[in-house]
C-alpha atoms as a PDB file:
ATOM      1  CA  UNK A   1       7.304  -4.813  -3.198  1.00  0.00           C
ATOM      2  CA  UNK A   2       6.102  -6.198   0.098  1.00  0.00           C
ATOM      3  CA  UNK A   3       3.338  -4.207   1.797  1.00  0.00           C
ATOM      4  CA  UNK A   4       0.816  -4.227   4.633  1.00  0.00           C
ATOM      5  CA  UNK A   5      -2.078  -2.856   2.629  1.00  0.00           C
ATOM      6  CA  UNK A   6      -4.394  -5.831   3.153  1.00  0.00           C
ATOM      7  CA  UNK A   7      -3.829  -5.832   6.917  1.00  0.00           C
ATOM      8  CA  UNK A   8      -4.370  -2.079   7.147  1.00  0.00           C
ATOM      9  CA  UNK A   9      -7.580  -2.312   5.127  1.00  0.00           C
ATOM     10  CA  UNK A  10      -8.860  -5.008   7.481  1.00  0.00           C
ATOM     11  CA  UNK A  11      -8.037  -2.876  10.532  1.00  0.00           C
ATOM     12  CA  UNK A  12     -10.027   0.008   9.036  1.00  0.00           C
ATOM     13  CA  UNK A  13     -12.832  -2.308   7.833  1.00  0.00           C
ATOM     14  CA  UNK A  14     -12.360  -1.080   4.241  1.00  0.00           C
ATOM     15  CA  UNK A  15     -13.059  -3.168   1.176  1.00  0.00           C
ATOM     16  CA  UNK A  16     -10.720  -3.065  -1.795  1.00  0.00           C
ATOM     17  CA  UNK A  17     -13.379  -1.072  -3.647  1.00  0.00           C
ATOM     18  CA  UNK A  18     -13.779   1.354  -0.746  1.00  0.00           C
ATOM     19  CA  UNK A  19     -10.061   2.094  -0.612  1.00  0.00           C
ATOM     20  CA  UNK A  20      -9.899   2.302  -4.394  1.00  0.00           C
ATOM     21  CA  UNK A  21     -12.682   4.898  -4.374  1.00  0.00           C
ATOM     22  CA  UNK A  22     -10.889   6.985  -1.732  1.00  0.00           C
ATOM     23  CA  UNK A  23      -7.676   6.859  -3.770  1.00  0.00           C
ATOM     24  CA  UNK A  24      -9.279   7.333  -7.191  1.00  0.00           C
ATOM     25  CA  UNK A  25      -7.984   4.049  -8.613  1.00  0.00           C
ATOM     26  CA  UNK A  26      -9.596   0.747  -9.615  1.00  0.00           C
ATOM     27  CA  UNK A  27     -10.252  -2.143  -7.267  1.00  0.00           C
ATOM     28  CA  UNK A  28      -7.954  -4.193  -9.502  1.00  0.00           C
ATOM     29  CA  UNK A  29      -5.123  -1.757  -8.765  1.00  0.00           C
ATOM     30  CA  UNK A  30      -5.576  -2.268  -5.013  1.00  0.00           C
ATOM     31  CA  UNK A  31      -5.689  -6.042  -5.518  1.00  0.00           C
ATOM     32  CA  UNK A  32      -2.506  -5.973  -7.616  1.00  0.00           C
ATOM     33  CA  UNK A  33      -0.652  -3.860  -5.039  1.00  0.00           C
ATOM     34  CA  UNK A  34      -1.737  -6.152  -2.196  1.00  0.00           C
ATOM     35  CA  UNK A  35      -0.556  -9.230  -4.085  1.00  0.00           C
ATOM     36  CA  UNK A  36       2.795  -7.711  -5.052  1.00  0.00           C
ATOM     37  CA  UNK A  37       2.048  -7.681  -8.774  1.00  0.00           C
ATOM     38  CA  UNK A  38       2.121  -3.893  -9.027  1.00  0.00           C
ATOM     39  CA  UNK A  39       4.277  -1.295  -7.296  1.00  0.00           C
ATOM     40  CA  UNK A  40       2.416   1.983  -6.835  1.00  0.00           C
ATOM     41  CA  UNK A  41       3.796   5.226  -8.152  1.00  0.00           C
ATOM     42  CA  UNK A  42       5.318   7.536  -5.577  1.00  0.00           C
ATOM     43  CA  UNK A  43       2.251   9.750  -5.825  1.00  0.00           C
ATOM     44  CA  UNK A  44      -0.084   6.825  -5.140  1.00  0.00           C
ATOM     45  CA  UNK A  45       2.141   5.586  -2.303  1.00  0.00           C
ATOM     46  CA  UNK A  46       1.848   9.025  -0.670  1.00  0.00           C
ATOM     47  CA  UNK A  47      -1.951   8.957  -1.126  1.00  0.00           C
ATOM     48  CA  UNK A  48      -2.103   5.523   0.535  1.00  0.00           C
ATOM     49  CA  UNK A  49       0.115   6.798   3.327  1.00  0.00           C
ATOM     50  CA  UNK A  50      -2.205   9.743   3.964  1.00  0.00           C
ATOM     51  CA  UNK A  51      -5.322   7.560   3.798  1.00  0.00           C
ATOM     52  CA  UNK A  52      -3.999   5.408   6.643  1.00  0.00           C
ATOM     53  CA  UNK A  53      -2.200   8.192   8.514  1.00  0.00           C
ATOM     54  CA  UNK A  54       1.098   6.315   8.422  1.00  0.00           C
ATOM     55  CA  UNK A  55       4.531   6.977   6.936  1.00  0.00           C
ATOM     56  CA  UNK A  56       5.181   5.190   3.644  1.00  0.00           C
ATOM     57  CA  UNK A  57       7.868   2.995   5.199  1.00  0.00           C
ATOM     58  CA  UNK A  58       5.296   1.599   7.678  1.00  0.00           C
ATOM     59  CA  UNK A  59       3.194   0.373   4.728  1.00  0.00           C
ATOM     60  CA  UNK A  60       5.757  -0.613   2.089  1.00  0.00           C
ATOM     61  CA  UNK A  61       9.035  -2.535   2.300  1.00  0.00           C
ATOM     62  CA  UNK A  62      11.299  -2.826  -0.728  1.00  0.00           C
ATOM     63  CA  UNK A  63      12.706  -6.108   0.689  1.00  0.00           C
ATOM     64  CA  UNK A  64      16.255  -5.089  -0.267  1.00  0.00           C
ATOM     65  CA  UNK A  65      18.042  -5.038   3.056  1.00  0.00           C
ATOM     66  CA  UNK A  66      21.470  -5.736   1.568  1.00  0.00           C
ATOM     67  CA  UNK A  67      22.530  -2.141   2.152  1.00  0.00           C
ATOM     68  CA  UNK A  68      21.394  -2.170   5.785  1.00  0.00           C
ATOM     69  CA  UNK A  69      24.293  -1.872   8.214  1.00  0.00           C
ATOM     70  CA  UNK A  70      24.642  -4.931  10.419  1.00  0.00           C
END
Protein backbone atom coordinates (compact mmCIF):
# COMPACT_ATOMS: atom_id res chain seq x y z
CA UNK A 1 0.00 0.00 0.00
CA UNK A 2 1.32 3.40 -0.97
CA UNK A 3 1.68 5.89 1.89
CA UNK A 4 3.08 9.27 2.88
CA UNK A 5 4.50 8.19 6.21
CA UNK A 6 8.11 9.10 5.44
CA UNK A 7 7.16 12.58 4.22
CA UNK A 8 4.94 13.19 7.24
CA UNK A 9 7.68 12.07 9.62
CA UNK A 10 10.10 14.49 7.96
CA UNK A 11 7.60 17.35 8.29
CA UNK A 12 7.27 16.62 12.01
CA UNK A 13 11.03 16.04 12.43
CA UNK A 14 10.38 12.54 13.82
CA UNK A 15 12.76 9.63 13.45
CA UNK A 16 11.45 6.17 12.67
CA UNK A 17 12.26 5.21 16.27
CA UNK A 18 10.45 8.27 17.63
CA UNK A 19 7.28 7.47 15.72
CA UNK A 20 7.57 3.80 16.62
CA UNK A 21 7.78 4.72 20.31
CA UNK A 22 4.68 6.93 20.06
CA UNK A 23 2.77 4.12 18.34
CA UNK A 24 4.09 1.28 20.50
CA UNK A 25 5.63 -0.65 17.59
CA UNK A 26 9.19 -1.41 16.47
CA UNK A 27 11.29 0.84 14.27
CA UNK A 28 11.38 -2.05 11.80
CA UNK A 29 7.59 -1.92 11.55
CA UNK A 30 7.71 1.78 10.63
CA UNK A 31 10.45 1.08 8.08
CA UNK A 32 8.44 -1.77 6.54
CA UNK A 33 5.29 0.37 6.28
CA UNK A 34 7.22 3.24 4.68
CA UNK A 35 8.76 0.91 2.11
CA UNK A 36 5.47 -0.80 1.25
CA UNK A 37 6.53 -4.19 2.60
CA UNK A 38 3.92 -4.20 5.35
CA UNK A 39 0.35 -2.93 5.45
CA UNK A 40 -0.64 -1.78 8.93
CA UNK A 41 -3.65 -3.20 10.68
CA UNK A 42 -6.70 -0.96 10.79
CA UNK A 43 -5.99 -0.26 14.44
CA UNK A 44 -2.42 0.82 13.69
CA UNK A 45 -3.57 2.89 10.70
CA UNK A 46 -5.96 4.77 13.02
CA UNK A 47 -3.14 5.31 15.54
CA UNK A 48 -0.92 6.73 12.77
CA UNK A 49 -3.78 8.92 11.63
CA UNK A 50 -4.24 10.33 15.13
CA UNK A 51 -0.50 10.84 15.61
CA UNK A 52 -0.38 13.10 12.55
CA UNK A 53 -3.85 14.61 12.97
CA UNK A 54 -4.90 13.54 9.49
CA UNK A 55 -7.59 11.26 8.07
CA UNK A 56 -6.34 7.80 7.09
CA UNK A 57 -6.98 8.45 3.40
CA UNK A 58 -4.56 11.42 3.50
CA UNK A 59 -1.78 9.05 4.65
CA UNK A 60 -2.55 5.77 2.86
CA UNK A 61 -3.60 4.99 -0.71
CA UNK A 62 -4.57 1.47 -1.71
CA UNK A 63 -3.54 2.25 -5.33
CA UNK A 64 -6.63 0.47 -6.68
CA UNK A 65 -8.42 3.21 -8.56
CA UNK A 66 -10.17 0.83 -10.96
CA UNK A 67 -13.48 1.36 -9.17
CA UNK A 68 -13.18 5.15 -9.27
CA UNK A 69 -15.81 6.75 -11.49
CA UNK A 70 -14.28 8.58 -14.43
